C-alpha atoms as a PDB file:
ATOM      1  CA  MET A   1     -42.724 -18.514  -0.645  1.00  0.00           C
ATOM      2  CA  ALA A   2     -41.319 -20.064   2.502  1.00  0.00           C
ATOM      3  CA  GLY A   3     -38.250 -21.193   0.573  1.00  0.00           C
ATOM      4  CA  ALA A   4     -37.745 -17.694  -0.867  1.00  0.00           C
ATOM      5  CA  GLY A   5     -38.027 -16.165   2.604  1.00  0.00           C
ATOM      6  CA  LYS A   6     -35.491 -18.634   3.988  1.00  0.00           C
ATOM      7  CA  THR A   7     -33.130 -17.839   1.132  1.00  0.00           C
ATOM      8  CA  LYS A   8     -33.392 -14.111   1.863  1.00  0.00           C
ATOM      9  CA  ILE A   9     -32.686 -14.664   5.558  1.00  0.00           C
ATOM     10  CA  THR A  10     -29.693 -16.856   4.717  1.00  0.00           C
ATOM     11  CA  ALA A  11     -28.380 -14.238   2.301  1.00  0.00           C
ATOM     12  CA  PHE A  12     -28.863 -11.495   4.902  1.00  0.00           C
ATOM     13  CA  LEU A  13     -27.039 -13.453   7.587  1.00  0.00           C
ATOM     14  CA  GLY A  14     -24.270 -14.329   5.153  1.00  0.00           C
ATOM     15  CA  LYS A  15     -23.720 -10.673   4.316  1.00  0.00           C
ATOM     16  CA  TYR A  16     -24.258  -9.090   7.723  1.00  0.00           C
ATOM     17  CA  SER A  17     -23.412 -11.926  10.117  1.00  0.00           C
ATOM     18  CA  ILE A  18     -20.527 -10.005  11.678  1.00  0.00           C
ATOM     19  CA  PHE A  19     -22.872  -7.169  12.690  1.00  0.00           C
ATOM     20  CA  VAL A  20     -25.410  -9.655  14.071  1.00  0.00           C
ATOM     21  CA  ILE A  21     -22.612 -11.143  16.187  1.00  0.00           C
ATOM     22  CA  LEU A  22     -21.564  -7.641  17.320  1.00  0.00           C
ATOM     23  CA  VAL A  23     -25.107  -6.811  18.459  1.00  0.00           C
ATOM     24  CA  GLY A  24     -25.359 -10.197  20.168  1.00  0.00           C
ATOM     25  CA  ALA A  25     -22.061  -9.655  22.013  1.00  0.00           C
ATOM     26  CA  PHE A  26     -23.258  -6.211  23.109  1.00  0.00           C
ATOM     27  CA  ILE A  27     -26.572  -7.543  24.446  1.00  0.00           C
ATOM     28  CA  LEU A  28     -24.972 -10.545  26.180  1.00  0.00           C
ATOM     29  CA  SER A  29     -22.331  -8.354  27.841  1.00  0.00           C
ATOM     30  CA  SER A  30     -24.994  -5.972  29.133  1.00  0.00           C
ATOM     31  CA  LEU A  31     -26.793  -8.924  30.720  1.00  0.00           C
ATOM     32  CA  LEU A  32     -23.642 -10.369  32.290  1.00  0.00           C
ATOM     33  CA  ASN A  33     -22.597  -7.149  34.017  1.00  0.00           C
ATOM     34  CA  ARG A  34     -24.728  -4.072  34.639  1.00  0.00           C
ATOM     35  CA  ASN A  35     -21.666  -1.802  34.612  1.00  0.00           C
ATOM     36  CA  PHE A  36     -21.068  -2.627  30.942  1.00  0.00           C
ATOM     37  CA  LEU A  37     -23.726  -0.172  29.748  1.00  0.00           C
ATOM     38  CA  SER A  38     -22.451   2.750  31.809  1.00  0.00           C
ATOM     39  CA  ALA A  39     -21.470   5.750  29.699  1.00  0.00           C
ATOM     40  CA  GLN A  40     -17.961   5.815  31.159  1.00  0.00           C
ATOM     41  CA  ASN A  41     -17.363   2.143  30.391  1.00  0.00           C
ATOM     42  CA  LEU A  42     -18.593   2.432  26.799  1.00  0.00           C
ATOM     43  CA  ILE A  43     -16.354   5.464  26.244  1.00  0.00           C
ATOM     44  CA  ASN A  44     -13.438   3.485  27.684  1.00  0.00           C
ATOM     45  CA  VAL A  45     -14.160   0.604  25.273  1.00  0.00           C
ATOM     46  CA  LEU A  46     -14.096   3.027  22.334  1.00  0.00           C
ATOM     47  CA  ARG A  47     -10.936   4.764  23.518  1.00  0.00           C
ATOM     48  CA  GLN A  48      -9.048   1.564  24.368  1.00  0.00           C
ATOM     49  CA  ASN A  49      -9.994  -0.134  21.114  1.00  0.00           C
ATOM     50  CA  SER A  50      -9.070   2.800  18.875  1.00  0.00           C
ATOM     51  CA  VAL A  51      -5.383   1.895  18.473  1.00  0.00           C
ATOM     52  CA  VAL A  52      -5.999  -1.736  17.493  1.00  0.00           C
ATOM     53  CA  THR A  53      -8.807  -0.711  15.139  1.00  0.00           C
ATOM     54  CA  ILE A  54      -6.588   1.796  13.317  1.00  0.00           C
ATOM     55  CA  LEU A  55      -3.907  -0.884  12.940  1.00  0.00           C
ATOM     56  CA  ALA A  56      -6.540  -3.355  11.741  1.00  0.00           C
ATOM     57  CA  PHE A  57      -7.562  -1.054   8.874  1.00  0.00           C
ATOM     58  CA  GLY A  58      -3.999  -1.206   7.551  1.00  0.00           C
ATOM     59  CA  GLU A  59      -3.843  -4.975   7.972  1.00  0.00           C
ATOM     60  CA  THR A  60      -7.170  -5.297   6.142  1.00  0.00           C
ATOM     61  CA  MET A  61      -5.925  -3.521   3.022  1.00  0.00           C
ATOM     62  CA  LEU A  62      -2.720  -5.546   3.049  1.00  0.00           C
ATOM     63  CA  ILE A  63      -4.452  -8.901   3.517  1.00  0.00           C
ATOM     64  CA  ILE A  64      -6.956  -8.106   0.765  1.00  0.00           C
ATOM     65  CA  ALA A  65      -3.960  -7.682  -1.559  1.00  0.00           C
ATOM     66  CA  GLY A  66      -2.392 -10.934  -0.362  1.00  0.00           C
ATOM     67  CA  LEU A  67       0.135  -9.146   1.868  1.00  0.00           C
ATOM     68  CA  ILE A  68       0.753  -8.887   5.617  1.00  0.00           C
ATOM     69  CA  ASP A  69       2.533  -6.652   8.135  1.00  0.00           C
ATOM     70  CA  LEU A  70       4.219  -8.200  11.167  1.00  0.00           C
ATOM     71  CA  SER A  71       6.127  -5.006  11.976  1.00  0.00           C
ATOM     72  CA  CYS A  72       3.278  -2.701  12.996  1.00  0.00           C
ATOM     73  CA  GLY A  73       3.780  -3.257  16.741  1.00  0.00           C
ATOM     74  CA  ALA A  74       7.476  -2.336  16.593  1.00  0.00           C
ATOM     75  CA  VAL A  75       6.918   0.564  14.178  1.00  0.00           C
ATOM     76  CA  LEU A  76       4.153   1.811  16.478  1.00  0.00           C
ATOM     77  CA  ALA A  77       6.780   2.066  19.223  1.00  0.00           C
ATOM     78  CA  VAL A  78       9.160   3.976  16.935  1.00  0.00           C
ATOM     79  CA  SER A  79       6.581   6.538  15.835  1.00  0.00           C
ATOM     80  CA  GLY A  80       5.225   7.167  19.320  1.00  0.00           C
ATOM     81  CA  VAL A  81       8.558   7.332  21.126  1.00  0.00           C
ATOM     82  CA  PHE A  82      10.262   9.600  18.601  1.00  0.00           C
ATOM     83  CA  GLY A  83       7.174  11.793  18.440  1.00  0.00           C
ATOM     84  CA  ILE A  84       7.584  12.326  22.191  1.00  0.00           C
ATOM     85  CA  VAL A  85      11.329  12.904  21.831  1.00  0.00           C
ATOM     86  CA  VAL A  86      10.742  15.660  19.278  1.00  0.00           C
ATOM     87  CA  PHE A  87       8.004  17.237  21.391  1.00  0.00           C
ATOM     88  CA  LYS A  88      10.167  17.318  24.512  1.00  0.00           C
ATOM     89  CA  ALA A  89      12.956  18.937  22.473  1.00  0.00           C
ATOM     90  CA  THR A  90      10.826  21.526  20.654  1.00  0.00           C
ATOM     91  CA  GLY A  91       7.468  21.795  22.408  1.00  0.00           C
ATOM     92  CA  ASN A  92       5.867  21.740  18.947  1.00  0.00           C
ATOM     93  CA  LEU A  93       2.899  19.357  18.709  1.00  0.00           C
ATOM     94  CA  ALA A  94       2.560  19.602  14.920  1.00  0.00           C
ATOM     95  CA  LEU A  95       6.258  18.854  14.361  1.00  0.00           C
ATOM     96  CA  SER A  96       6.273  15.905  16.766  1.00  0.00           C
ATOM     97  CA  PHE A  97       3.173  14.489  15.076  1.00  0.00           C
ATOM     98  CA  ALA A  98       4.765  14.889  11.633  1.00  0.00           C
ATOM     99  CA  VAL A  99       8.034  13.241  12.695  1.00  0.00           C
ATOM    100  CA  GLY A 100       6.268  10.251  14.248  1.00  0.00           C
ATOM    101  CA  MET A 101       4.149   9.767  11.127  1.00  0.00           C
ATOM    102  CA  THR A 102       7.128  10.178   8.793  1.00  0.00           C
ATOM    103  CA  LEU A 103       9.182   7.529  10.600  1.00  0.00           C
ATOM    104  CA  ALA A 104       6.318   5.020  10.458  1.00  0.00           C
ATOM    105  CA  VAL A 105       5.866   5.642   6.746  1.00  0.00           C
ATOM    106  CA  ALA A 106       9.648   5.338   6.207  1.00  0.00           C
ATOM    107  CA  PHE A 107       9.786   1.874   7.774  1.00  0.00           C
ATOM    108  CA  ASN A 108       6.790   0.799   5.694  1.00  0.00           C
ATOM    109  CA  VAL A 109       8.501   2.166   2.584  1.00  0.00           C
ATOM    110  CA  LEU A 110      11.324  -0.240   3.425  1.00  0.00           C
ATOM    111  CA  SER A 111       8.795  -3.094   3.692  1.00  0.00           C
ATOM    112  CA  GLY A 112       7.234  -2.000   0.404  1.00  0.00           C
ATOM    113  CA  ILE A 113      10.592  -1.952  -1.382  1.00  0.00           C
ATOM    114  CA  LEU A 114      11.536  -5.391  -0.061  1.00  0.00           C
ATOM    115  CA  VAL A 115       8.201  -6.844  -1.188  1.00  0.00           C
ATOM    116  CA  SER A 116       7.550  -5.023  -4.473  1.00  0.00           C
ATOM    117  CA  VAL A 117      11.095  -4.507  -5.806  1.00  0.00           C
ATOM    118  CA  PHE A 118      13.082  -7.415  -4.373  1.00  0.00           C
ATOM    119  CA  LYS A 119      10.124  -9.845  -4.326  1.00  0.00           C
ATOM    120  CA  THR A 120      10.750 -10.756  -0.699  1.00  0.00           C
ATOM    121  CA  PRO A 121       7.849 -12.692   0.860  1.00  0.00           C
ATOM    122  CA  PRO A 122       5.835 -10.206   2.982  1.00  0.00           C
ATOM    123  CA  PHE A 123       6.167 -12.405   6.068  1.00  0.00           C
ATOM    124  CA  ILE A 124       9.982 -12.314   5.896  1.00  0.00           C
ATOM    125  CA  ALA A 125      10.217  -8.669   4.817  1.00  0.00           C
ATOM    126  CA  THR A 126       8.080  -7.303   7.628  1.00  0.00           C
ATOM    127  CA  LEU A 127       9.692  -9.642  10.157  1.00  0.00           C
ATOM    128  CA  ALA A 128      13.052  -8.092   9.227  1.00  0.00           C
ATOM    129  CA  VAL A 129      11.606  -4.586   9.562  1.00  0.00           C
ATOM    130  CA  THR A 130      10.232  -5.590  12.975  1.00  0.00           C
ATOM    131  CA  THR A 131      13.727  -6.400  14.196  1.00  0.00           C
ATOM    132  CA  ILE A 132      15.257  -3.263  12.686  1.00  0.00           C
ATOM    133  CA  SER A 133      12.636  -0.855  14.018  1.00  0.00           C
ATOM    134  CA  ARG A 134      12.574  -2.388  17.482  1.00  0.00           C
ATOM    135  CA  GLY A 135      16.363  -2.248  17.598  1.00  0.00           C
ATOM    136  CA  VAL A 136      16.381   1.429  16.583  1.00  0.00           C
ATOM    137  CA  VAL A 137      14.000   2.543  19.332  1.00  0.00           C
ATOM    138  CA  LEU A 138      15.708   0.399  22.002  1.00  0.00           C
ATOM    139  CA  LEU A 139      19.148   1.648  20.970  1.00  0.00           C
ATOM    140  CA  TYR A 140      18.104   5.302  21.142  1.00  0.00           C
ATOM    141  CA  THR A 141      16.359   5.010  24.523  1.00  0.00           C
ATOM    142  CA  PHE A 142      18.639   2.318  26.010  1.00  0.00           C
ATOM    143  CA  GLY A 143      15.383   0.504  26.709  1.00  0.00           C
ATOM    144  CA  GLN A 144      14.241   3.170  29.174  1.00  0.00           C
ATOM    145  CA  PRO A 145      10.751   4.737  29.117  1.00  0.00           C
ATOM    146  CA  ILE A 146      10.348   8.465  28.543  1.00  0.00           C
ATOM    147  CA  TYR A 147       8.083  10.247  31.031  1.00  0.00           C
ATOM    148  CA  GLN A 148       6.711  13.767  31.537  1.00  0.00           C
ATOM    149  CA  ILE A 149       5.359  14.104  28.009  1.00  0.00           C
ATOM    150  CA  GLY A 150       3.333  17.237  28.761  1.00  0.00           C
ATOM    151  CA  ARG A 151       0.773  18.393  26.185  1.00  0.00           C
ATOM    152  CA  PHE A 152       1.672  15.503  23.873  1.00  0.00           C
ATOM    153  CA  ASN A 153      -0.972  13.519  25.757  1.00  0.00           C
ATOM    154  CA  VAL A 154      -3.711  15.485  23.994  1.00  0.00           C
ATOM    155  CA  PHE A 155      -3.640  13.000  21.081  1.00  0.00           C
ATOM    156  CA  GLY A 156      -4.678  10.118  23.316  1.00  0.00           C
ATOM    157  CA  GLN A 157      -6.400  11.754  26.277  1.00  0.00           C
ATOM    158  CA  GLY A 158      -8.013  14.871  24.836  1.00  0.00           C
ATOM    159  CA  SER A 159     -11.628  15.254  23.739  1.00  0.00           C
ATOM    160  CA  VAL A 160     -13.685  17.363  21.369  1.00  0.00           C
ATOM    161  CA  ALA A 161     -16.912  18.052  23.254  1.00  0.00           C
ATOM    162  CA  PHE A 162     -17.557  14.624  24.813  1.00  0.00           C
ATOM    163  CA  ILE A 163     -15.894  12.581  22.025  1.00  0.00           C
ATOM    164  CA  PRO A 164     -12.340  11.343  22.782  1.00  0.00           C
ATOM    165  CA  ILE A 165      -9.784  12.363  20.153  1.00  0.00           C
ATOM    166  CA  PRO A 166      -8.640   8.712  19.632  1.00  0.00           C
ATOM    167  CA  VAL A 167     -12.240   7.853  18.703  1.00  0.00           C
ATOM    168  CA  ILE A 168     -12.331  10.744  16.228  1.00  0.00           C
ATOM    169  CA  PHE A 169      -9.106   9.479  14.632  1.00  0.00           C
ATOM    170  CA  MET A 170     -10.557   5.964  14.461  1.00  0.00           C
ATOM    171  CA  ILE A 171     -13.786   7.101  12.760  1.00  0.00           C
ATOM    172  CA  LEU A 172     -11.829   9.238  10.294  1.00  0.00           C
ATOM    173  CA  MET A 173      -9.603   6.266   9.382  1.00  0.00           C
ATOM    174  CA  LEU A 174     -12.697   4.082   8.989  1.00  0.00           C
ATOM    175  CA  GLY A 175     -14.018   6.596   6.459  1.00  0.00           C
ATOM    176  CA  VAL A 176     -10.690   6.802   4.621  1.00  0.00           C
ATOM    177  CA  THR A 177     -10.295   3.013   4.442  1.00  0.00           C
ATOM    178  CA  TRP A 178     -13.890   2.512   3.313  1.00  0.00           C
ATOM    179  CA  TYR A 179     -13.496   5.127   0.578  1.00  0.00           C
ATOM    180  CA  ILE A 180     -10.204   3.676  -0.677  1.00  0.00           C
ATOM    181  CA  LEU A 181     -11.572   0.140  -0.876  1.00  0.00           C
ATOM    182  CA  ASN A 182     -14.944   1.035  -2.388  1.00  0.00           C
ATOM    183  CA  HIS A 183     -14.438   4.123  -4.533  1.00  0.00           C
ATOM    184  CA  THR A 184     -10.916   4.148  -5.944  1.00  0.00           C
ATOM    185  CA  ARG A 185      -9.123   2.290  -8.731  1.00  0.00           C
ATOM    186  CA  PHE A 186      -6.405   1.507  -6.222  1.00  0.00           C
ATOM    187  CA  GLY A 187      -8.916  -0.231  -3.956  1.00  0.00           C
ATOM    188  CA  ARG A 188     -10.263  -2.312  -6.837  1.00  0.00           C
ATOM    189  CA  ALA A 189      -6.678  -3.192  -7.749  1.00  0.00           C
ATOM    190  CA  LEU A 190      -6.073  -4.551  -4.236  1.00  0.00           C
ATOM    191  CA  TYR A 191      -9.063  -6.889  -4.536  1.00  0.00           C
ATOM    192  CA  ALA A 192      -7.894  -8.006  -7.979  1.00  0.00           C
ATOM    193  CA  ILE A 193      -4.325  -8.673  -6.822  1.00  0.00           C
ATOM    194  CA  GLY A 194      -5.467 -10.651  -3.779  1.00  0.00           C
ATOM    195  CA  GLY A 195      -8.027 -12.597  -5.804  1.00  0.00           C
ATOM    196  CA  ASN A 196      -5.681 -13.572  -8.640  1.00  0.00           C
ATOM    197  CA  GLU A 197      -2.382 -11.754  -9.081  1.00  0.00           C
ATOM    198  CA  GLU A 198      -1.643 -13.258 -12.488  1.00  0.00           C
ATOM    199  CA  ALA A 199      -5.027 -12.124 -13.788  1.00  0.00           C
ATOM    200  CA  ALA A 200      -4.436  -8.682 -12.273  1.00  0.00           C
ATOM    201  CA  ASN A 201      -1.117  -8.404 -14.124  1.00  0.00           C
ATOM    202  CA  ALA A 202      -2.760  -9.539 -17.344  1.00  0.00           C
ATOM    203  CA  SER A 203      -5.458  -6.868 -16.964  1.00  0.00           C
ATOM    204  CA  GLY A 204      -2.829  -4.118 -16.847  1.00  0.00           C
ATOM    205  CA  ILE A 205      -2.629  -3.488 -13.099  1.00  0.00           C
ATOM    206  CA  ASN A 206       0.812  -2.406 -11.920  1.00  0.00           C
ATOM    207  CA  THR A 207       0.967  -4.873  -9.030  1.00  0.00           C
ATOM    208  CA  PRO A 208       4.386  -3.856  -7.621  1.00  0.00           C
ATOM    209  CA  ARG A 209       3.267  -0.212  -7.478  1.00  0.00           C
ATOM    210  CA  ALA A 210      -0.046  -1.142  -5.812  1.00  0.00           C
ATOM    211  CA  LYS A 211       1.709  -3.283  -3.196  1.00  0.00           C
ATOM    212  CA  PHE A 212       4.222  -0.532  -2.465  1.00  0.00           C
ATOM    213  CA  LEU A 213       1.486   2.084  -2.090  1.00  0.00           C
ATOM    214  CA  CYS A 214      -0.457  -0.255   0.187  1.00  0.00           C
ATOM    215  CA  TYR A 215       2.498  -0.400   2.582  1.00  0.00           C
ATOM    216  CA  VAL A 216       2.855   3.388   2.470  1.00  0.00           C
ATOM    217  CA  ILE A 217      -0.790   3.829   3.474  1.00  0.00           C
ATOM    218  CA  ASN A 218      -0.319   1.215   6.180  1.00  0.00           C
ATOM    219  CA  GLY A 219       2.618   3.249   7.481  1.00  0.00           C
ATOM    220  CA  PHE A 220       0.377   6.282   7.844  1.00  0.00           C
ATOM    221  CA  LEU A 221      -2.113   4.255   9.893  1.00  0.00           C
ATOM    222  CA  VAL A 222       0.588   2.661  12.064  1.00  0.00           C
ATOM    223  CA  GLY A 223       2.159   6.058  12.727  1.00  0.00           C
ATOM    224  CA  LEU A 224      -1.161   7.490  13.864  1.00  0.00           C
ATOM    225  CA  ALA A 225      -1.760   4.461  16.085  1.00  0.00           C
ATOM    226  CA  GLY A 226       1.695   4.878  17.654  1.00  0.00           C
ATOM    227  CA  ILE A 227       1.171   8.533  18.503  1.00  0.00           C
ATOM    228  CA  VAL A 228      -2.280   7.859  19.970  1.00  0.00           C
ATOM    229  CA  PHE A 229      -0.988   4.890  21.982  1.00  0.00           C
ATOM    230  CA  MET A 230       1.952   6.696  23.612  1.00  0.00           C
ATOM    231  CA  SER A 231      -0.206   9.723  24.282  1.00  0.00           C
ATOM    232  CA  ARG A 232      -2.864   7.560  25.923  1.00  0.00           C
ATOM    233  CA  VAL A 233      -0.414   5.749  28.238  1.00  0.00           C
ATOM    234  CA  ASN A 234       1.283   9.085  29.014  1.00  0.00           C
ATOM    235  CA  ALA A 235       4.816   7.837  28.327  1.00  0.00           C
ATOM    236  CA  GLY A 236       7.196   6.811  25.567  1.00  0.00           C
ATOM    237  CA  LEU A 237       7.570   3.044  25.948  1.00  0.00           C
ATOM    238  CA  PRO A 238      10.231   1.526  23.656  1.00  0.00           C
ATOM    239  CA  GLY A 239       8.952  -1.981  24.384  1.00  0.00           C
ATOM    240  CA  ALA A 240       5.339  -1.144  23.547  1.00  0.00           C
ATOM    241  CA  GLY A 241       3.310  -2.724  20.780  1.00  0.00           C
ATOM    242  CA  VAL A 242       4.422  -6.335  21.274  1.00  0.00           C
ATOM    243  CA  SER A 243       1.785  -8.644  19.704  1.00  0.00           C
ATOM    244  CA  TYR A 244      -0.244  -5.680  18.450  1.00  0.00           C
ATOM    245  CA  GLU A 245       0.212  -6.961  14.915  1.00  0.00           C
ATOM    246  CA  PHE A 246      -1.723 -10.075  15.933  1.00  0.00           C
ATOM    247  CA  GLU A 247      -4.420  -7.952  17.571  1.00  0.00           C
ATOM    248  CA  GLY A 248      -4.875  -6.123  14.267  1.00  0.00           C
ATOM    249  CA  LEU A 249      -4.857  -9.365  12.282  1.00  0.00           C
ATOM    250  CA  THR A 250      -7.416 -10.886  14.640  1.00  0.00           C
ATOM    251  CA  ALA A 251      -9.789  -7.944  14.217  1.00  0.00           C
ATOM    252  CA  ALA A 252      -9.459  -8.093  10.426  1.00  0.00           C
ATOM    253  CA  VAL A 253     -10.011 -11.862  10.170  1.00  0.00           C
ATOM    254  CA  ILE A 254     -12.933 -11.907  12.594  1.00  0.00           C
ATOM    255  CA  GLY A 255     -14.380  -9.054  10.518  1.00  0.00           C
ATOM    256  CA  GLY A 256     -14.412 -11.258   7.425  1.00  0.00           C
ATOM    257  CA  THR A 257     -11.099 -10.428   5.755  1.00  0.00           C
ATOM    258  CA  SER A 258      -9.795 -13.605   4.117  1.00  0.00           C
ATOM    259  CA  PHE A 259      -6.175 -14.678   4.535  1.00  0.00           C
ATOM    260  CA  SER A 260      -6.470 -16.075   1.019  1.00  0.00           C
ATOM    261  CA  GLY A 261      -6.751 -12.504  -0.277  1.00  0.00           C
ATOM    262  CA  GLY A 262      -9.317 -10.642  -2.328  1.00  0.00           C
ATOM    263  CA  ILE A 263     -12.015 -10.477   0.358  1.00  0.00           C
ATOM    264  CA  GLY A 264     -12.590  -7.951   3.134  1.00  0.00           C
ATOM    265  CA  THR A 265     -14.311  -4.689   4.063  1.00  0.00           C
ATOM    266  CA  ALA A 266     -13.547  -1.709   6.293  1.00  0.00           C
ATOM    267  CA  MET A 267     -16.887  -1.978   8.090  1.00  0.00           C
ATOM    268  CA  GLY A 268     -16.362  -5.690   8.706  1.00  0.00           C
ATOM    269  CA  THR A 269     -12.989  -4.999  10.294  1.00  0.00           C
ATOM    270  CA  PHE A 270     -14.507  -2.231  12.407  1.00  0.00           C
ATOM    271  CA  ALA A 271     -17.144  -4.671  13.691  1.00  0.00           C
ATOM    272  CA  GLY A 272     -14.588  -7.438  14.199  1.00  0.00           C
ATOM    273  CA  SER A 273     -12.365  -5.143  16.229  1.00  0.00           C
ATOM    274  CA  PHE A 274     -15.212  -4.188  18.521  1.00  0.00           C
ATOM    275  CA  ILE A 275     -16.294  -7.767  19.026  1.00  0.00           C
ATOM    276  CA  VAL A 276     -12.795  -8.394  20.404  1.00  0.00           C
ATOM    277  CA  GLY A 277     -12.915  -5.120  22.367  1.00  0.00           C
ATOM    278  CA  ILE A 278     -16.259  -5.972  23.956  1.00  0.00           C
ATOM    279  CA  LEU A 279     -15.006  -9.468  24.787  1.00  0.00           C
ATOM    280  CA  ASN A 280     -11.902  -8.031  26.480  1.00  0.00           C
ATOM    281  CA  ASN A 281     -13.982  -5.512  28.400  1.00  0.00           C
ATOM    282  CA  ILE A 282     -16.587  -7.943  29.706  1.00  0.00           C
ATOM    283  CA  MET A 283     -13.903 -10.442  30.755  1.00  0.00           C
ATOM    284  CA  ASN A 284     -12.190  -7.660  32.736  1.00  0.00           C
ATOM    285  CA  LEU A 285     -15.486  -6.652  34.343  1.00  0.00           C
ATOM    286  CA  LEU A 286     -16.141 -10.277  35.286  1.00  0.00           C
ATOM    287  CA  GLY A 287     -12.635 -10.668  36.715  1.00  0.00           C
ATOM    288  CA  VAL A 288     -11.479 -13.357  34.292  1.00  0.00           C
ATOM    289  CA  ASP A 289      -7.783 -14.169  34.749  1.00  0.00           C
ATOM    290  CA  SER A 290      -5.546 -12.477  32.153  1.00  0.00           C
ATOM    291  CA  TYR A 291      -3.954 -15.805  31.200  1.00  0.00           C
ATOM    292  CA  VAL A 292      -7.371 -17.317  30.588  1.00  0.00           C
ATOM    293  CA  GLN A 293      -8.197 -14.287  28.428  1.00  0.00           C
ATOM    294  CA  GLN A 294      -5.113 -14.997  26.340  1.00  0.00           C
ATOM    295  CA  ILE A 295      -6.191 -18.608  25.826  1.00  0.00           C
ATOM    296  CA  LEU A 296      -9.678 -17.530  24.770  1.00  0.00           C
ATOM    297  CA  LYS A 297      -8.237 -15.047  22.262  1.00  0.00           C
ATOM    298  CA  GLY A 298      -6.147 -17.828  20.747  1.00  0.00           C
ATOM    299  CA  VAL A 299      -9.237 -20.033  20.432  1.00  0.00           C
ATOM    300  CA  ILE A 300     -11.108 -17.185  18.734  1.00  0.00           C
ATOM    301  CA  ILE A 301      -8.282 -16.645  16.234  1.00  0.00           C
ATOM    302  CA  ALA A 302      -8.169 -20.374  15.411  1.00  0.00           C
ATOM    303  CA  ALA A 303     -11.946 -20.515  14.985  1.00  0.00           C
ATOM    304  CA  ALA A 304     -11.957 -17.431  12.763  1.00  0.00           C
ATOM    305  CA  VAL A 305      -9.268 -18.904  10.494  1.00  0.00           C
ATOM    306  CA  VAL A 306     -11.078 -22.257  10.236  1.00  0.00           C
ATOM    307  CA  ILE A 307     -14.333 -20.497   9.336  1.00  0.00           C
ATOM    308  CA  ASP A 308     -12.457 -18.338   6.810  1.00  0.00           C
ATOM    309  CA  ILE A 309     -10.931 -21.412   5.118  1.00  0.00           C
ATOM    310  CA  ASN A 310     -14.259 -23.249   4.944  1.00  0.00           C
ATOM    311  CA  THR A 311     -16.095 -20.185   3.644  1.00  0.00           C
ATOM    312  CA  LYS A 312     -13.433 -19.598   1.014  1.00  0.00           C
ATOM    313  CA  ALA A 313     -13.699 -23.229  -0.153  1.00  0.00           C
ATOM    314  CA  LYS A 314     -17.481 -22.962  -0.517  1.00  0.00           C
ATOM    315  CA  ARG A 315     -17.280 -19.664  -2.411  1.00  0.00           C
ATOM    316  CA  SER A 316     -14.648 -20.927  -4.820  1.00  0.00           C
ATOM    317  CA  ARG A 317     -16.891 -23.628  -6.297  1.00  0.00           C
ATOM    318  CA  PRO A 318     -19.577 -21.421  -7.875  1.00  0.00           C
ATOM    319  CA  ALA A 319     -16.953 -18.787  -8.703  1.00  0.00           C
ATOM    320  CA  VAL A 320     -15.229 -21.215 -11.095  1.00  0.00           C
ATOM    321  CA  ILE A 321     -18.505 -21.951 -12.872  1.00  0.00           C
ATOM    322  CA  SER A 322     -19.517 -18.314 -13.300  1.00  0.00           C
ATOM    323  CA  GLY A 323     -16.044 -17.207 -14.307  1.00  0.00           C
ATOM    324  CA  ASP A 324     -15.743 -14.666 -11.475  1.00  0.00           C
ATOM    325  CA  SER A 325     -12.970 -14.732  -8.938  1.00  0.00           C
ATOM    326  CA  PRO A 326     -13.957 -14.570  -5.247  1.00  0.00           C
ATOM    327  CA  GLY A 327     -12.221 -11.202  -4.991  1.00  0.00           C
ATOM    328  CA  GLU A 328     -14.207  -9.787  -7.915  1.00  0.00           C
ATOM    329  CA  SER A 329     -17.478 -10.976  -6.409  1.00  0.00           C
ATOM    330  CA  GLU A 330     -16.652  -9.522  -3.000  1.00  0.00           C
ATOM    331  CA  SER A 331     -15.409  -6.203  -4.354  1.00  0.00           C
ATOM    332  CA  ARG A 332     -18.682  -5.673  -6.192  1.00  0.00           C
ATOM    333  CA  ASN A 333     -20.491  -6.038  -2.874  1.00  0.00           C
END
């Protein structure tokens, strides 16, 4: 009986460890600084973390399929800046939102074509798109910020009742990502491709089409993140978004998404993102030097990758015996 109970606890921790860590980080932070639990601070954590979390949902789907996006920071700048440009020219919020989203999707279509049609490695393809998109926004603005954005700031600073609009966007994208990964053929195809692309091809999955569509969906998420970001900072910053791709990747990996592909969940990424957000917040409240914070983030990324590699190695042994791929096992969960 004792052995069965221990097995159940181990299984529970294995499945929900990321949420246990999130609760632990929340409790520890509340003990370290009494201001952490204030309503205003918790709302700020949600609002500030919304952009990275939205980006992380896109990175999660890509990594599950064995892909990656290094361009999301630069494309974020394009979507947000040109959304502001259109708003200042027309005063139309809907049009500016649509233009920002369309540009982000367009750059991700380019990434999708390079990867799915020309078989360019995702790392190289999205690195090229990073340079192109950053060059476009810097060329148009001459590297100068755009101020006086008027009502455009509603996307990042507005609220519905007491809930900030960025938080509403984040929760909606959590729901969309969760549904795609758990209740669509496309989501199951992503797990299959990341788990074993050759097997996915043999089973009749159109892998180039799935990869292309994954980048298109990622473009939608990056565009939304860009509009929210520029609205929140109250300016169009052509140099914004630097290293945001790594923030999104960090949240996804800490949340249990495997760089080997085929493993990951929307809820895990959501929890991983907020572990990082809580860590950033408590370090700011405690007055930790920003350079020290950067070092600690790097250590966390390294630790998360090491844990991911070791976990993947352990899972692969029984998977070979049972005939299931790690991606198939994870997707059923």
